[in-house]
Amino acid sequence: MDIMDTIKQQIEENDVILYMKGSPNAPQCGFSMRTSQAVMECGQRFAYVDVLSNPDIRTNLPKYANWPTFPQLWVKGELVGGCDIVTEMHENGELKTLIESAATPAE
C-alpha cells in the first residue's frame, strides 16, 4: 500500500488520531506532550501514531495535510491543528466538545 493511502486509511478509520513524536505516555517533545495531555484530559479513547518510529509517515504526512509540523490532531477526517490550536481549544472547552461529539456514535 502506498504511504499516502496508509495515512488516508488511518485518518478515515480513527475518529480521533494524533500524529506525534513519541507516545501519549512517553512523548518525545514538549509540543507532543502538551497536545497529548490536552487530548487525554478530554477522557475519550484516541489513536496515535509515533512519527519518530514511522519515518515514511513523518516525511509524507505534512504533504498530505498541507501542515508542516507535528503534532497533528485529526478528528473525523479533518485536521484540527497542532499544539497551539489544540491547547487553546482545550483551554476554552472546545476540544472536549469536539472529541466527545466524534466519540459519540451517530444515531
PDB file of N, CA and C in Angstrom:
ATOM      1  N   MET A   1       0.854  -1.181   0.000  1.00  0.00           N
ATOM      2  CA  MET A   1       0.000   0.000   0.000  1.00  0.00           C
ATOM      3  C   MET A   1       0.901   1.246   0.000  1.00  0.00           C
ATOM      4  N   ASP A   2       0.548   2.206  -0.804  1.00  0.00           N
ATOM      5  CA  ASP A   2       1.251   3.480  -0.867  1.00  0.00           C
ATOM      6  C   ASP A   2       1.138   4.199   0.476  1.00  0.00           C
ATOM      7  N   ILE A   3       2.174   4.926   0.860  1.00  0.00           N
ATOM      8  CA  ILE A   3       2.172   5.604   2.173  1.00  0.00           C
ATOM      9  C   ILE A   3       1.039   6.625   2.277  1.00  0.00           C
ATOM     10  N   MET A   4       0.718   7.299   1.192  1.00  0.00           N
ATOM     11  CA  MET A   4      -0.398   8.261   1.224  1.00  0.00           C
ATOM     12  C   MET A   4      -1.727   7.531   1.454  1.00  0.00           C
ATOM     13  N   ASP A   5      -1.852   6.336   0.884  1.00  0.00           N
ATOM     14  CA  ASP A   5      -3.057   5.531   1.133  1.00  0.00           C
ATOM     15  C   ASP A   5      -3.115   5.075   2.591  1.00  0.00           C
ATOM     16  N   THR A   6      -1.961   4.735   3.143  1.00  0.00           N
ATOM     17  CA  THR A   6      -1.895   4.336   4.555  1.00  0.00           C
ATOM     18  C   THR A   6      -2.337   5.472   5.455  1.00  0.00           C
ATOM     19  N   ILE A   7      -1.823   6.666   5.203  1.00  0.00           N
ATOM     20  CA  ILE A   7      -2.199   7.847   6.002  1.00  0.00           C
ATOM     21  C   ILE A   7      -3.698   8.095   5.885  1.00  0.00           C
ATOM     22  N   LYS A   8      -4.205   8.072   4.645  1.00  0.00           N
ATOM     23  CA  LYS A   8      -5.638   8.302   4.417  1.00  0.00           C
ATOM     24  C   LYS A   8      -6.472   7.277   5.180  1.00  0.00           C
ATOM     25  N   GLN A   9      -6.046   6.012   5.128  1.00  0.00           N
ATOM     26  CA  GLN A   9      -6.778   4.945   5.820  1.00  0.00           C
ATOM     27  C   GLN A   9      -6.753   5.159   7.333  1.00  0.00           C
ATOM     28  N   GLN A  10      -5.604   5.522   7.900  1.00  0.00           N
ATOM     29  CA  GLN A  10      -5.515   5.773   9.339  1.00  0.00           C
ATOM     30  C   GLN A  10      -6.477   6.883   9.757  1.00  0.00           C
ATOM     31  N   ILE A  11      -6.509   7.948   8.975  1.00  0.00           N
ATOM     32  CA  ILE A  11      -7.357   9.095   9.313  1.00  0.00           C
ATOM     33  C   ILE A  11      -8.839   8.728   9.173  1.00  0.00           C
ATOM     34  N   GLU A  12      -9.167   7.949   8.147  1.00  0.00           N
ATOM     35  CA  GLU A  12     -10.567   7.558   7.942  1.00  0.00           C
ATOM     36  C   GLU A  12     -11.052   6.554   8.976  1.00  0.00           C
ATOM     37  N   GLU A  13     -10.172   5.664   9.440  1.00  0.00           N
ATOM     38  CA  GLU A  13     -10.589   4.588  10.337  1.00  0.00           C
ATOM     39  C   GLU A  13     -10.568   4.972  11.811  1.00  0.00           C
ATOM     40  N   ASN A  14     -10.007   6.126  12.142  1.00  0.00           N
ATOM     41  CA  ASN A  14      -9.942   6.562  13.535  1.00  0.00           C
ATOM     42  C   ASN A  14     -10.621   7.918  13.670  1.00  0.00           C
ATOM     43  N   ASP A  15     -11.686   7.959  14.486  1.00  0.00           N
ATOM     44  CA  ASP A  15     -12.403   9.218  14.657  1.00  0.00           C
ATOM     45  C   ASP A  15     -11.500  10.300  15.231  1.00  0.00           C
ATOM     46  N   VAL A  16     -10.598   9.903  16.122  1.00  0.00           N
ATOM     47  CA  VAL A  16      -9.644  10.846  16.715  1.00  0.00           C
ATOM     48  C   VAL A  16      -8.264  10.200  16.614  1.00  0.00           C
ATOM     49  N   ILE A  17      -7.352  10.867  15.910  1.00  0.00           N
ATOM     50  CA  ILE A  17      -5.994  10.334  15.766  1.00  0.00           C
ATOM     51  C   ILE A  17      -4.988  11.481  15.910  1.00  0.00           C
ATOM     52  N   LEU A  18      -3.965  11.191  16.668  1.00  0.00           N
ATOM     53  CA  LEU A  18      -2.919  12.171  16.934  1.00  0.00           C
ATOM     54  C   LEU A  18      -1.611  11.652  16.368  1.00  0.00           C
ATOM     55  N   TYR A  19      -1.042  12.408  15.451  1.00  0.00           N
ATOM     56  CA  TYR A  19       0.296  12.115  14.939  1.00  0.00           C
ATOM     57  C   TYR A  19       1.258  12.934  15.790  1.00  0.00           C
ATOM     58  N   MET A  20       2.171  12.244  16.455  1.00  0.00           N
ATOM     59  CA  MET A  20       3.024  12.919  17.439  1.00  0.00           C
ATOM     60  C   MET A  20       4.399  12.289  17.475  1.00  0.00           C
ATOM     61  N   LYS A  21       5.285  12.941  18.190  1.00  0.00           N
ATOM     62  CA  LYS A  21       6.619  12.396  18.424  1.00  0.00           C
ATOM     63  C   LYS A  21       6.586  11.658  19.755  1.00  0.00           C
ATOM     64  N   GLY A  22       6.727  10.326  19.683  1.00  0.00           N
ATOM     65  CA  GLY A  22       6.627   9.501  20.878  1.00  0.00           C
ATOM     66  C   GLY A  22       5.213   8.977  21.039  1.00  0.00           C
ATOM     67  N   SER A  23       4.862   8.671  22.286  1.00  0.00           N
ATOM     68  CA  SER A  23       3.518   8.172  22.599  1.00  0.00           C
ATOM     69  C   SER A  23       2.901   9.069  23.665  1.00  0.00           C
ATOM     70  N   PRO A  24       1.581   8.989  23.859  1.00  0.00           N
ATOM     71  CA  PRO A  24       0.951   9.828  24.879  1.00  0.00           C
ATOM     72  C   PRO A  24       1.573   9.646  26.267  1.00  0.00           C
ATOM     73  N   ASN A  25       2.006   8.430  26.592  1.00  0.00           N
ATOM     74  CA  ASN A  25       2.605   8.179  27.898  1.00  0.00           C
ATOM     75  C   ASN A  25       4.104   8.444  27.930  1.00  0.00           C
ATOM     76  N   ALA A  26       4.715   8.592  26.766  1.00  0.00           N
ATOM     77  CA  ALA A  26       6.152   8.872  26.690  1.00  0.00           C
ATOM     78  C   ALA A  26       6.442   9.779  25.492  1.00  0.00           C
ATOM     79  N   PRO A  27       5.924  11.026  25.558  1.00  0.00           N
ATOM     80  CA  PRO A  27       6.145  11.938  24.439  1.00  0.00           C
ATOM     81  C   PRO A  27       7.626  12.302  24.304  1.00  0.00           C
ATOM     82  N   GLN A  28       8.040  12.543  23.058  1.00  0.00           N
ATOM     83  CA  GLN A  28       9.442  12.823  22.793  1.00  0.00           C
ATOM     84  C   GLN A  28       9.719  14.296  22.487  1.00  0.00           C
ATOM     85  N   CYS A  29       8.728  15.151  22.649  1.00  0.00           N
ATOM     86  CA  CYS A  29       8.962  16.599  22.542  1.00  0.00           C
ATOM     87  C   CYS A  29       7.876  17.321  23.329  1.00  0.00           C
ATOM     88  N   GLY A  30       8.159  18.531  23.709  1.00  0.00           N
ATOM     89  CA  GLY A  30       7.234  19.310  24.527  1.00  0.00           C
ATOM     90  C   GLY A  30       5.907  19.592  23.849  1.00  0.00           C
ATOM     91  N   PHE A  31       5.951  19.850  22.546  1.00  0.00           N
ATOM     92  CA  PHE A  31       4.703  20.128  21.820  1.00  0.00           C
ATOM     93  C   PHE A  31       3.811  18.883  21.800  1.00  0.00           C
ATOM     94  N   SER A  32       4.422  17.730  21.558  1.00  0.00           N
ATOM     95  CA  SER A  32       3.649  16.482  21.575  1.00  0.00           C
ATOM     96  C   SER A  32       3.128  16.190  22.975  1.00  0.00           C
ATOM     97  N   MET A  33       3.909  16.502  23.987  1.00  0.00           N
ATOM     98  CA  MET A  33       3.481  16.281  25.363  1.00  0.00           C
ATOM     99  C   MET A  33       2.250  17.130  25.680  1.00  0.00           C
ATOM    100  N   ARG A  34       2.301  18.417  25.381  1.00  0.00           N
ATOM    101  CA  ARG A  34       1.175  19.303  25.689  1.00  0.00           C
ATOM    102  C   ARG A  34      -0.082  18.900  24.902  1.00  0.00           C
ATOM    103  N   THR A  35       0.102  18.545  23.643  1.00  0.00           N
ATOM    104  CA  THR A  35      -1.048  18.177  22.821  1.00  0.00           C
ATOM    105  C   THR A  35      -1.675  16.873  23.301  1.00  0.00           C
ATOM    106  N   SER A  36      -0.847  15.869  23.571  1.00  0.00           N
ATOM    107  CA  SER A  36      -1.408  14.587  24.015  1.00  0.00           C
ATOM    108  C   SER A  36      -2.076  14.721  25.375  1.00  0.00           C
ATOM    109  N   GLN A  37      -1.526  15.546  26.261  1.00  0.00           N
ATOM    110  CA  GLN A  37      -2.165  15.759  27.563  1.00  0.00           C
ATOM    111  C   GLN A  37      -3.538  16.401  27.392  1.00  0.00           C
ATOM    112  N   ALA A  38      -3.632  17.382  26.503  1.00  0.00           N
ATOM    113  CA  ALA A  38      -4.914  18.046  26.265  1.00  0.00           C
ATOM    114  C   ALA A  38      -5.946  17.047  25.747  1.00  0.00           C
ATOM    115  N   VAL A  39      -5.525  16.187  24.820  1.00  0.00           N
ATOM    116  CA  VAL A  39      -6.450  15.197  24.262  1.00  0.00           C
ATOM    117  C   VAL A  39      -6.826  14.169  25.327  1.00  0.00           C
ATOM    118  N   MET A  40      -5.864  13.697  26.104  1.00  0.00           N
ATOM    119  CA  MET A  40      -6.156  12.712  27.154  1.00  0.00           C
ATOM    120  C   MET A  40      -7.119  13.277  28.188  1.00  0.00           C
ATOM    121  N   GLU A  41      -6.993  14.553  28.503  1.00  0.00           N
ATOM    122  CA  GLU A  41      -7.869  15.168  29.510  1.00  0.00           C
ATOM    123  C   GLU A  41      -9.318  15.251  29.046  1.00  0.00           C
ATOM    124  N   CYS A  42      -9.559  15.034  27.754  1.00  0.00           N
ATOM    125  CA  CYS A  42     -10.937  15.022  27.255  1.00  0.00           C
ATOM    126  C   CYS A  42     -11.646  13.723  27.618  1.00  0.00           C
ATOM    127  N   GLY A  43     -10.892  12.703  28.029  1.00  0.00           N
ATOM    128  CA  GLY A  43     -11.477  11.485  28.572  1.00  0.00           C
ATOM    129  C   GLY A  43     -11.995  10.479  27.561  1.00  0.00           C
ATOM    130  N   GLN A  44     -11.651  10.630  26.307  1.00  0.00           N
ATOM    131  CA  GLN A  44     -12.096   9.680  25.294  1.00  0.00           C
ATOM    132  C   GLN A  44     -10.890   8.936  24.734  1.00  0.00           C
ATOM    133  N   ARG A  45     -11.147   7.730  24.225  1.00  0.00           N
ATOM    134  CA  ARG A  45     -10.079   6.969  23.589  1.00  0.00           C
ATOM    135  C   ARG A  45      -9.691   7.645  22.275  1.00  0.00           C
ATOM    136  N   PHE A  46      -8.415   7.543  21.938  1.00  0.00           N
ATOM    137  CA  PHE A  46      -7.966   8.074  20.653  1.00  0.00           C
ATOM    138  C   PHE A  46      -6.784   7.248  20.174  1.00  0.00           C
ATOM    139  N   ALA A  47      -6.577   7.274  18.876  1.00  0.00           N
ATOM    140  CA  ALA A  47      -5.436   6.585  18.277  1.00  0.00           C
ATOM    141  C   ALA A  47      -4.273   7.565  18.185  1.00  0.00           C
ATOM    142  N   TYR A  48      -3.080   7.010  18.115  1.00  0.00           N
ATOM    143  CA  TYR A  48      -1.917   7.862  17.881  1.00  0.00           C
ATOM    144  C   TYR A  48      -0.923   7.121  17.006  1.00  0.00           C
ATOM    145  N   VAL A  49      -0.094   7.883  16.328  1.00  0.00           N
ATOM    146  CA  VAL A  49       0.992   7.338  15.529  1.00  0.00           C
ATOM    147  C   VAL A  49       2.259   8.078  15.932  1.00  0.00           C
ATOM    148  N   ASP A  50       3.279   7.311  16.297  1.00  0.00           N
ATOM    149  CA  ASP A  50       4.585   7.880  16.630  1.00  0.00           C
ATOM    150  C   ASP A  50       5.332   8.117  15.318  1.00  0.00           C
ATOM    151  N   VAL A  51       5.473   9.371  14.922  1.00  0.00           N
ATOM    152  CA  VAL A  51       6.132   9.669  13.646  1.00  0.00           C
ATOM    153  C   VAL A  51       7.636   9.423  13.703  1.00  0.00           C
ATOM    154  N   LEU A  52       8.201   9.348  14.906  1.00  0.00           N
ATOM    155  CA  LEU A  52       9.630   9.058  15.019  1.00  0.00           C
ATOM    156  C   LEU A  52       9.927   7.613  14.633  1.00  0.00           C
ATOM    157  N   SER A  53       9.008   6.697  14.926  1.00  0.00           N
ATOM    158  CA  SER A  53       9.224   5.292  14.564  1.00  0.00           C
ATOM    159  C   SER A  53       8.578   4.947  13.219  1.00  0.00           C
ATOM    160  N   ASN A  54       7.984   5.943  12.568  1.00  0.00           N
ATOM    161  CA  ASN A  54       7.380   5.770  11.244  1.00  0.00           C
ATOM    162  C   ASN A  54       7.896   6.866  10.306  1.00  0.00           C
ATOM    163  N   PRO A  55       9.152   6.754   9.863  1.00  0.00           N
ATOM    164  CA  PRO A  55       9.755   7.839   9.076  1.00  0.00           C
ATOM    165  C   PRO A  55       9.019   8.151   7.770  1.00  0.00           C
ATOM    166  N   ASP A  56       8.381   7.149   7.144  1.00  0.00           N
ATOM    167  CA  ASP A  56       7.635   7.434   5.915  1.00  0.00           C
ATOM    168  C   ASP A  56       6.433   8.331   6.203  1.00  0.00           C
ATOM    169  N   ILE A  57       5.767   8.075   7.313  1.00  0.00           N
ATOM    170  CA  ILE A  57       4.636   8.930   7.696  1.00  0.00           C
ATOM    171  C   ILE A  57       5.147  10.313   8.080  1.00  0.00           C
ATOM    172  N   ARG A  58       6.252  10.356   8.813  1.00  0.00           N
ATOM    173  CA  ARG A  58       6.827  11.650   9.213  1.00  0.00           C
ATOM    174  C   ARG A  58       7.166  12.499   7.990  1.00  0.00           C
ATOM    175  N   THR A  59       7.659  11.871   6.944  1.00  0.00           N
ATOM    176  CA  THR A  59       8.034  12.588   5.728  1.00  0.00           C
ATOM    177  C   THR A  59       6.818  13.011   4.907  1.00  0.00           C
ATOM    178  N   ASN A  60       5.808  12.150   4.827  1.00  0.00           N
ATOM    179  CA  ASN A  60       4.702  12.370   3.898  1.00  0.00           C
ATOM    180  C   ASN A  60       3.454  13.012   4.487  1.00  0.00           C
ATOM    181  N   LEU A  61       3.227  12.877   5.783  1.00  0.00           N
ATOM    182  CA  LEU A  61       2.017  13.476   6.371  1.00  0.00           C
ATOM    183  C   LEU A  61       1.965  14.996   6.165  1.00  0.00           C
ATOM    184  N   PRO A  62       3.078  15.724   6.322  1.00  0.00           N
ATOM    185  CA  PRO A  62       2.993  17.170   6.060  1.00  0.00           C
ATOM    186  C   PRO A  62       2.524  17.497   4.639  1.00  0.00           C
ATOM    187  N   LYS A  63       2.891  16.669   3.672  1.00  0.00           N
ATOM    188  CA  LYS A  63       2.422  16.873   2.293  1.00  0.00           C
ATOM    189  C   LYS A  63       0.929  16.565   2.201  1.00  0.00           C
ATOM    190  N   TYR A  64       0.527  15.457   2.821  1.00  0.00           N
ATOM    191  CA  TYR A  64      -0.881  15.041   2.787  1.00  0.00           C
ATOM    192  C   TYR A  64      -1.758  16.116   3.436  1.00  0.00           C
ATOM    193  N   ALA A  65      -1.298  16.612   4.576  1.00  0.00           N
ATOM    194  CA  ALA A  65      -2.101  17.535   5.379  1.00  0.00           C
ATOM    195  C   ALA A  65      -1.941  19.000   4.969  1.00  0.00           C
ATOM    196  N   ASN A  66      -0.892  19.278   4.205  1.00  0.00           N
ATOM    197  CA  ASN A  66      -0.522  20.661   3.925  1.00  0.00           C
ATOM    198  C   ASN A  66      -0.308  21.419   5.241  1.00  0.00           C
ATOM    199  N   TRP A  67       0.324  20.731   6.181  1.00  0.00           N
ATOM    200  CA  TRP A  67       0.620  21.261   7.525  1.00  0.00           C
ATOM    201  C   TRP A  67       2.026  20.775   7.860  1.00  0.00           C
ATOM    202  N   PRO A  68       2.974  21.679   8.066  1.00  0.00           N
ATOM    203  CA  PRO A  68       4.382  21.274   8.085  1.00  0.00           C
ATOM    204  C   PRO A  68       4.910  20.651   9.374  1.00  0.00           C
ATOM    205  N   THR A  69       4.192  20.779  10.460  1.00  0.00           N
ATOM    206  CA  THR A  69       4.774  20.410  11.754  1.00  0.00           C
ATOM    207  C   THR A  69       3.993  19.305  12.453  1.00  0.00           C
ATOM    208  N   PHE A  70       4.599  18.782  13.509  1.00  0.00           N
ATOM    209  CA  PHE A  70       3.970  17.810  14.399  1.00  0.00           C
ATOM    210  C   PHE A  70       3.952  18.407  15.793  1.00  0.00           C
ATOM    211  N   PRO A  71       2.981  18.034  16.594  1.00  0.00           N
ATOM    212  CA  PRO A  71       1.922  17.044  16.368  1.00  0.00           C
ATOM    213  C   PRO A  71       0.819  17.572  15.449  1.00  0.00           C
ATOM    214  N   GLN A  72       0.009  16.620  14.982  1.00  0.00           N
ATOM    215  CA  GLN A  72      -1.187  16.937  14.211  1.00  0.00           C
ATOM    216  C   GLN A  72      -2.344  16.138  14.791  1.00  0.00           C
ATOM    217  N   LEU A  73      -3.418  16.838  15.146  1.00  0.00           N
ATOM    218  CA  LEU A  73      -4.629  16.177  15.640  1.00  0.00           C
ATOM    219  C   LEU A  73      -5.675  16.189  14.540  1.00  0.00           C
ATOM    220  N   TRP A  74      -6.205  15.001  14.262  1.00  0.00           N
ATOM    221  CA  TRP A  74      -7.265  14.835  13.273  1.00  0.00           C
ATOM    222  C   TRP A  74      -8.511  14.320  13.982  1.00  0.00           C
ATOM    223  N   VAL A  75      -9.662  14.905  13.684  1.00  0.00           N
ATOM    224  CA  VAL A  75     -10.936  14.462  14.247  1.00  0.00           C
ATOM    225  C   VAL A  75     -11.932  14.317  13.107  1.00  0.00           C
ATOM    226  N   LYS A  76     -12.502  13.116  12.991  1.00  0.00           N
ATOM    227  CA  LYS A  76     -13.489  12.819  11.942  1.00  0.00           C
ATOM    228  C   LYS A  76     -12.967  13.192  10.552  1.00  0.00           C
ATOM    229  N   GLY A  77     -11.700  12.874  10.300  1.00  0.00           N
ATOM    230  CA  GLY A  77     -11.129  13.099   8.976  1.00  0.00           C
ATOM    231  C   GLY A  77     -10.677  14.507   8.683  1.00  0.00           C
ATOM    232  N   GLU A  78     -10.817  15.406   9.656  1.00  0.00           N
ATOM    233  CA  GLU A  78     -10.425  16.804   9.463  1.00  0.00           C
ATOM    234  C   GLU A  78      -9.236  17.137  10.349  1.00  0.00           C
ATOM    235  N   LEU A  79      -8.284  17.856   9.783  1.00  0.00           N
ATOM    236  CA  LEU A  79      -7.147  18.321  10.568  1.00  0.00           C
ATOM    237  C   LEU A  79      -7.607  19.440  11.491  1.00  0.00           C
ATOM    238  N   VAL A  80      -7.437  19.228  12.788  1.00  0.00           N
ATOM    239  CA  VAL A  80      -7.778  20.261  13.774  1.00  0.00           C
ATOM    240  C   VAL A  80      -6.626  21.254  13.859  1.00  0.00           C
ATOM    241  N   GLY A  81      -5.403  20.731  13.989  1.00  0.00           N
ATOM    242  CA  GLY A  81      -4.239  21.595  14.044  1.00  0.00           C
ATOM    243  C   GLY A  81      -3.146  20.992  14.893  1.00  0.00           C
ATOM    244  N   GLY A  82      -2.216  21.846  15.265  1.00  0.00           N
ATOM    245  CA  GLY A  82      -1.074  21.443  16.064  1.00  0.00           C
ATOM    246  C   GLY A  82      -1.202  21.885  17.503  1.00  0.00           C
ATOM    247  N   CYS A  83      -0.078  21.972  18.168  1.00  0.00           N
ATOM    248  CA  CYS A  83      -0.034  22.210  19.608  1.00  0.00           C
ATOM    249  C   CYS A  83      -0.761  23.492  20.025  1.00  0.00           C
ATOM    250  N   ASP A  84      -0.458  24.609  19.394  1.00  0.00           N
ATOM    251  CA  ASP A  84      -1.054  25.881  19.813  1.00  0.00           C
ATOM    252  C   ASP A  84      -2.575  25.867  19.678  1.00  0.00           C
ATOM    253  N   ILE A  85      -3.060  25.366  18.549  1.00  0.00           N
ATOM    254  CA  ILE A  85      -4.506  25.333  18.314  1.00  0.00           C
ATOM    255  C   ILE A  85      -5.185  24.379  19.292  1.00  0.00           C
ATOM    256  N   VAL A  86      -4.623  23.183  19.450  1.00  0.00           N
ATOM    257  CA  VAL A  86      -5.223  22.185  20.349  1.00  0.00           C
ATOM    258  C   VAL A  86      -5.210  22.691  21.791  1.00  0.00           C
ATOM    259  N   THR A  87      -4.104  23.292  22.219  1.00  0.00           N
ATOM    260  CA  THR A  87      -4.010  23.811  23.584  1.00  0.00           C
ATOM    261  C   THR A  87      -5.049  24.906  23.820  1.00  0.00           C
ATOM    262  N   GLU A  88      -5.178  25.806  22.869  1.00  0.00           N
ATOM    263  CA  GLU A  88      -6.168  26.889  23.009  1.00  0.00           C
ATOM    264  C   GLU A  88      -7.589  26.325  23.051  1.00  0.00           C
ATOM    265  N   MET A  89      -7.877  25.365  22.182  1.00  0.00           N
ATOM    266  CA  MET A  89      -9.210  24.747  22.180  1.00  0.00           C
ATOM    267  C   MET A  89      -9.476  24.022  23.495  1.00  0.00           C
ATOM    268  N   HIS A  90      -8.446  23.387  24.054  1.00  0.00           N
ATOM    269  CA  HIS A  90      -8.595  22.695  25.335  1.00  0.00           C
ATOM    270  C   HIS A  90      -8.918  23.698  26.438  1.00  0.00           C
ATOM    271  N   GLU A  91      -8.201  24.805  26.448  1.00  0.00           N
ATOM    272  CA  GLU A  91      -8.393  25.812  27.499  1.00  0.00           C
ATOM    273  C   GLU A  91      -9.780  26.436  27.454  1.00  0.00           C
ATOM    274  N   ASN A  92     -10.351  26.598  26.257  1.00  0.00           N
ATOM    275  CA  ASN A  92     -11.675  27.235  26.191  1.00  0.00           C
ATOM    276  C   ASN A  92     -12.826  26.225  26.101  1.00  0.00           C
ATOM    277  N   GLY A  93     -12.508  24.927  26.217  1.00  0.00           N
ATOM    278  CA  GLY A  93     -13.543  23.904  26.268  1.00  0.00           C
ATOM    279  C   GLY A  93     -13.980  23.347  24.928  1.00  0.00           C
ATOM    280  N   GLU A  94     -13.510  23.927  23.826  1.00  0.00           N
ATOM    281  CA  GLU A  94     -13.930  23.465  22.500  1.00  0.00           C
ATOM    282  C   GLU A  94     -13.418  22.059  22.190  1.00  0.00           C
ATOM    283  N   LEU A  95     -12.216  21.739  22.646  1.00  0.00           N
ATOM    284  CA  LEU A  95     -11.614  20.450  22.315  1.00  0.00           C
ATOM    285  C   LEU A  95     -12.429  19.298  22.892  1.00  0.00           C
ATOM    286  N   LYS A  96     -12.819  19.414  24.156  1.00  0.00           N
ATOM    287  CA  LYS A  96     -13.604  18.352  24.808  1.00  0.00           C
ATOM    288  C   LYS A  96     -14.918  18.140  24.059  1.00  0.00           C
ATOM    289  N   THR A  97     -15.582  19.217  23.683  1.00  0.00           N
ATOM    290  CA  THR A  97     -16.838  19.125  22.937  1.00  0.00           C
ATOM    291  C   THR A  97     -16.628  18.439  21.597  1.00  0.00           C
ATOM    292  N   LEU A  98     -15.565  18.834  20.888  1.00  0.00           N
ATOM    293  CA  LEU A  98     -15.267  18.261  19.577  1.00  0.00           C
ATOM    294  C   LEU A  98     -14.973  16.760  19.684  1.00  0.00           C
ATOM    295  N   ILE A  99     -14.136  16.396  20.632  1.00  0.00           N
ATOM    296  CA  ILE A  99     -13.745  14.991  20.776  1.00  0.00           C
ATOM    297  C   ILE A  99     -14.903  14.148  21.278  1.00  0.00           C
ATOM    298  N   GLU A 100     -15.691  14.678  22.190  1.00  0.00           N
ATOM    299  CA  GLU A 100     -16.863  13.919  22.671  1.00  0.00           C
ATOM    300  C   GLU A 100     -17.865  13.703  21.544  1.00  0.00           C
ATOM    301  N   SER A 101     -18.057  14.693  20.693  1.00  0.00           N
ATOM    302  CA  SER A 101     -19.012  14.530  19.585  1.00  0.00           C
ATOM    303  C   SER A 101     -18.491  13.509  18.576  1.00  0.00           C
ATOM    304  N   ALA A 102     -17.174  13.445  18.400  1.00  0.00           N
ATOM    305  CA  ALA A 102     -16.576  12.463  17.486  1.00  0.00           C
ATOM    306  C   ALA A 102     -16.681  11.057  18.054  1.00  0.00           C
ATOM    307  N   ALA A 103     -16.574  10.942  19.368  1.00  0.00           N
ATOM    308  CA  ALA A 103     -16.583   9.625  20.016  1.00  0.00           C
ATOM    309  C   ALA A 103     -17.994   9.074  20.186  1.00  0.00           C
ATOM    310  N   THR A 104     -18.992   9.939  20.095  1.00  0.00           N
ATOM    311  CA  THR A 104     -20.372   9.513  20.263  1.00  0.00           C
ATOM    312  C   THR A 104     -20.903   8.986  18.941  1.00  0.00           C
ATOM    313  N   PRO A 105     -21.342   7.732  18.907  1.00  0.00           N
ATOM    314  CA  PRO A 105     -21.869   7.195  17.637  1.00  0.00           C
ATOM    315  C   PRO A 105     -23.125   7.927  17.215  1.00  0.00           C
ATOM    316  N   ALA A 106     -23.219   8.208  15.931  1.00  0.00           N
ATOM    317  CA  ALA A 106     -24.414   8.881  15.400  1.00  0.00           C
ATOM    318  C   ALA A 106     -25.580   7.905  15.461  1.00  0.00           C
ATOM    319  N   GLU A 107     -26.747   8.446  15.795  1.00  0.00           N
ATOM    320  CA  GLU A 107     -27.928   7.580  15.913  1.00  0.00           C
ATOM    321  C   GLU A 107     -28.816   7.740  14.712  1.00  0.00           C
TER     322      GLU A 107
END
